[in-house]
């Protein structure tokens, strides 16, 4: 199987998992260091766990959407 066929098969499995509600299988398509960008809003999510949490409607505790690392606050 060539690279395009493998990519297509992974995407199709992602869609099937999504239809079944199997979020673990659905998010397995993302590489550990994947980055999900939303250019319209400027949000950026880094890492499979952060992307998975964002797509599931929750965010891992203590992370910010732009960095996927511990959130910081600025007082002013």
N, C-alpha and C. Protein backbone atom coordinates (compact mmCIF):
# COMPACT_ATOMS: atom_id res chain seq x y z
N UNK A 1 0.85 -1.17 0.00
CA UNK A 1 0.00 0.00 0.00
C UNK A 1 0.90 1.24 0.00
N UNK A 2 0.62 2.18 -0.91
CA UNK A 2 1.44 3.38 -0.97
C UNK A 2 1.01 4.39 0.10
N UNK A 3 1.77 5.46 0.24
CA UNK A 3 1.53 6.45 1.29
C UNK A 3 0.15 7.09 1.17
N UNK A 4 -0.28 7.41 -0.04
CA UNK A 4 -1.60 8.02 -0.23
C UNK A 4 -2.71 7.08 0.21
N UNK A 5 -2.57 5.80 -0.10
CA UNK A 5 -3.58 4.81 0.30
C UNK A 5 -3.62 4.65 1.81
N UNK A 6 -2.45 4.67 2.46
CA UNK A 6 -2.40 4.57 3.92
C UNK A 6 -3.05 5.79 4.58
N UNK A 7 -2.76 6.97 4.02
CA UNK A 7 -3.35 8.19 4.54
C UNK A 7 -4.86 8.16 4.40
N UNK A 8 -5.34 7.76 3.24
CA UNK A 8 -6.79 7.69 2.99
C UNK A 8 -7.44 6.68 3.94
N UNK A 9 -6.82 5.53 4.15
CA UNK A 9 -7.36 4.52 5.05
C UNK A 9 -7.43 5.05 6.48
N UNK A 10 -6.41 5.79 6.91
CA UNK A 10 -6.41 6.37 8.27
C UNK A 10 -7.53 7.40 8.42
N UNK A 11 -7.74 8.22 7.41
CA UNK A 11 -8.81 9.22 7.45
C UNK A 11 -10.18 8.54 7.49
N UNK A 12 -10.35 7.51 6.69
CA UNK A 12 -11.62 6.80 6.68
C UNK A 12 -11.89 6.12 8.03
N UNK A 13 -10.85 5.56 8.64
CA UNK A 13 -11.02 4.96 9.98
C UNK A 13 -11.36 6.04 11.00
N UNK A 14 -10.76 7.19 10.87
CA UNK A 14 -11.06 8.33 11.74
C UNK A 14 -12.56 8.68 11.63
N UNK A 15 -13.07 8.76 10.41
CA UNK A 15 -14.49 9.08 10.21
C UNK A 15 -15.40 8.00 10.78
N UNK A 16 -15.04 6.73 10.55
CA UNK A 16 -15.85 5.63 11.10
C UNK A 16 -15.86 5.67 12.62
N UNK A 17 -14.70 5.91 13.22
CA UNK A 17 -14.63 5.99 14.68
C UNK A 17 -15.47 7.15 15.19
N UNK A 18 -15.45 8.26 14.48
CA UNK A 18 -16.25 9.42 14.86
C UNK A 18 -17.74 9.08 14.81
N UNK A 19 -18.16 8.41 13.76
CA UNK A 19 -19.57 8.01 13.63
C UNK A 19 -19.99 7.05 14.75
N UNK A 20 -19.07 6.20 15.20
CA UNK A 20 -19.37 5.26 16.28
C UNK A 20 -19.28 5.92 17.66
N UNK A 21 -18.71 7.10 17.71
CA UNK A 21 -18.51 7.77 19.00
C UNK A 21 -17.31 7.24 19.75
N UNK A 22 -16.39 6.58 19.04
CA UNK A 22 -15.18 6.02 19.65
C UNK A 22 -14.08 7.08 19.59
N UNK A 23 -14.03 7.94 20.60
CA UNK A 23 -13.08 9.05 20.56
C UNK A 23 -11.63 8.60 20.64
N UNK A 24 -11.35 7.50 21.35
CA UNK A 24 -9.96 7.02 21.41
C UNK A 24 -9.46 6.65 20.02
N UNK A 25 -10.25 5.89 19.28
CA UNK A 25 -9.87 5.51 17.92
C UNK A 25 -9.88 6.72 16.99
N UNK A 26 -10.84 7.61 17.21
CA UNK A 26 -10.94 8.82 16.37
C UNK A 26 -9.69 9.67 16.49
N UNK A 27 -9.17 9.84 17.70
CA UNK A 27 -8.03 10.71 17.91
C UNK A 27 -6.68 10.02 17.72
N UNK A 28 -6.70 8.72 17.50
CA UNK A 28 -5.45 7.99 17.26
C UNK A 28 -4.76 8.45 15.98
N UNK A 29 -5.49 9.12 15.10
CA UNK A 29 -4.91 9.60 13.84
C UNK A 29 -3.87 10.70 14.08
N UNK A 30 -3.99 11.41 15.21
CA UNK A 30 -3.10 12.53 15.46
C UNK A 30 -1.76 12.05 16.00
N UNK A 31 -0.68 12.59 15.46
CA UNK A 31 0.66 12.30 15.96
C UNK A 31 0.79 12.90 17.36
N UNK A 32 1.69 12.36 18.14
CA UNK A 32 1.90 12.85 19.51
C UNK A 32 2.18 14.35 19.52
N UNK A 33 2.96 14.82 18.58
CA UNK A 33 3.32 16.24 18.53
C UNK A 33 2.51 17.05 17.53
N UNK A 34 1.31 16.59 17.19
CA UNK A 34 0.48 17.28 16.20
C UNK A 34 0.11 18.68 16.67
N UNK A 35 -0.16 19.55 15.69
CA UNK A 35 -0.61 20.91 15.97
C UNK A 35 -1.90 21.13 15.20
N UNK A 36 -2.92 21.62 15.89
CA UNK A 36 -4.20 21.95 15.28
C UNK A 36 -4.36 23.45 15.32
N UNK A 37 -4.41 24.08 14.13
CA UNK A 37 -4.55 25.53 14.03
C UNK A 37 -5.94 25.90 13.55
N UNK A 38 -6.49 26.94 14.16
CA UNK A 38 -7.72 27.56 13.69
C UNK A 38 -7.35 28.99 13.29
N UNK A 39 -6.99 29.21 12.01
CA UNK A 39 -6.51 30.53 11.60
C UNK A 39 -7.55 31.64 11.78
N UNK A 40 -8.83 31.29 11.72
CA UNK A 40 -9.87 32.30 11.87
C UNK A 40 -9.82 32.96 13.24
N UNK A 41 -9.56 32.16 14.27
CA UNK A 41 -9.57 32.69 15.64
C UNK A 41 -8.16 32.86 16.22
N UNK A 42 -7.17 32.29 15.56
CA UNK A 42 -5.81 32.36 16.06
C UNK A 42 -5.49 31.32 17.12
N UNK A 43 -6.43 30.41 17.38
CA UNK A 43 -6.17 29.37 18.38
C UNK A 43 -5.24 28.31 17.80
N UNK A 44 -4.40 27.77 18.68
CA UNK A 44 -3.49 26.69 18.29
C UNK A 44 -3.44 25.68 19.43
N UNK A 45 -3.65 24.41 19.09
CA UNK A 45 -3.63 23.34 20.08
C UNK A 45 -2.48 22.41 19.73
N UNK A 46 -1.64 22.11 20.73
CA UNK A 46 -0.45 21.29 20.50
C UNK A 46 -0.57 19.96 21.24
N UNK A 47 -0.27 18.89 20.54
CA UNK A 47 -0.23 17.56 21.15
C UNK A 47 -1.56 16.82 21.07
N UNK A 48 -1.44 15.51 20.91
CA UNK A 48 -2.62 14.65 20.75
C UNK A 48 -3.60 14.81 21.90
N UNK A 49 -3.13 14.81 23.14
CA UNK A 49 -4.03 14.90 24.30
C UNK A 49 -4.79 16.22 24.31
N UNK A 50 -4.11 17.30 23.99
CA UNK A 50 -4.76 18.61 23.98
C UNK A 50 -5.77 18.70 22.84
N UNK A 51 -5.40 18.19 21.67
CA UNK A 51 -6.33 18.19 20.53
C UNK A 51 -7.54 17.33 20.84
N UNK A 52 -7.30 16.17 21.39
CA UNK A 52 -8.39 15.27 21.76
C UNK A 52 -9.34 15.94 22.75
N UNK A 53 -8.79 16.58 23.76
CA UNK A 53 -9.62 17.27 24.75
C UNK A 53 -10.39 18.42 24.12
N UNK A 54 -9.74 19.18 23.24
CA UNK A 54 -10.41 20.30 22.59
C UNK A 54 -11.54 19.81 21.70
N UNK A 55 -11.31 18.78 20.95
CA UNK A 55 -12.34 18.27 20.03
C UNK A 55 -13.47 17.60 20.79
N UNK A 56 -13.18 17.16 22.01
CA UNK A 56 -14.20 16.55 22.84
C UNK A 56 -14.96 17.56 23.68
N UNK A 57 -14.57 18.83 23.58
CA UNK A 57 -15.27 19.88 24.30
C UNK A 57 -14.70 20.20 25.66
N UNK A 58 -13.60 19.54 26.03
CA UNK A 58 -12.96 19.85 27.30
C UNK A 58 -11.48 20.11 27.04
N UNK A 59 -10.82 20.71 28.00
CA UNK A 59 -9.40 20.99 27.86
C UNK A 59 -8.69 20.41 29.07
N UNK A 60 -7.53 19.79 28.86
CA UNK A 60 -6.79 19.27 30.01
C UNK A 60 -6.55 20.38 31.03
N UNK A 61 -6.64 20.07 32.28
CA UNK A 61 -6.47 21.03 33.35
C UNK A 61 -5.11 21.72 33.26
N UNK A 62 -5.14 23.03 33.37
CA UNK A 62 -3.90 23.80 33.42
C UNK A 62 -3.24 24.03 32.08
N UNK A 63 -3.96 23.87 30.98
CA UNK A 63 -3.35 24.14 29.68
C UNK A 63 -4.08 25.27 29.00
N UNK A 64 -3.35 25.96 28.16
CA UNK A 64 -3.95 27.03 27.38
C UNK A 64 -4.09 26.55 25.95
N UNK A 65 -5.08 27.05 25.20
CA UNK A 65 -5.26 26.57 23.84
C UNK A 65 -4.12 26.94 22.92
N UNK A 66 -3.44 28.05 23.15
CA UNK A 66 -2.41 28.47 22.22
C UNK A 66 -1.12 27.69 22.36
N UNK A 67 -0.85 27.14 23.52
CA UNK A 67 0.44 26.50 23.69
C UNK A 67 0.36 25.04 24.07
N UNK A 68 -0.76 24.61 24.64
CA UNK A 68 -0.84 23.25 25.12
C UNK A 68 0.00 23.04 26.36
N UNK A 69 0.57 24.11 26.87
CA UNK A 69 1.41 24.03 28.06
C UNK A 69 0.69 24.74 29.20
N UNK A 70 1.24 24.67 30.41
CA UNK A 70 0.54 25.31 31.53
C UNK A 70 0.15 26.75 31.22
N UNK A 71 -1.09 27.08 31.52
CA UNK A 71 -1.61 28.42 31.25
C UNK A 71 -0.96 29.42 32.21
N UNK A 72 -0.75 30.61 31.71
CA UNK A 72 -0.21 31.68 32.56
C UNK A 72 -1.20 32.83 32.54
N UNK A 73 -1.18 33.61 33.61
CA UNK A 73 -2.05 34.78 33.70
C UNK A 73 -1.19 35.99 33.94
N UNK A 74 -1.61 37.09 33.36
CA UNK A 74 -0.91 38.34 33.56
C UNK A 74 -1.84 39.28 34.30
N UNK A 75 -1.36 39.84 35.37
CA UNK A 75 -2.15 40.81 36.13
C UNK A 75 -1.68 42.19 35.74
N UNK A 76 -2.63 43.12 35.65
CA UNK A 76 -2.18 44.44 35.24
C UNK A 76 -3.12 45.43 35.59
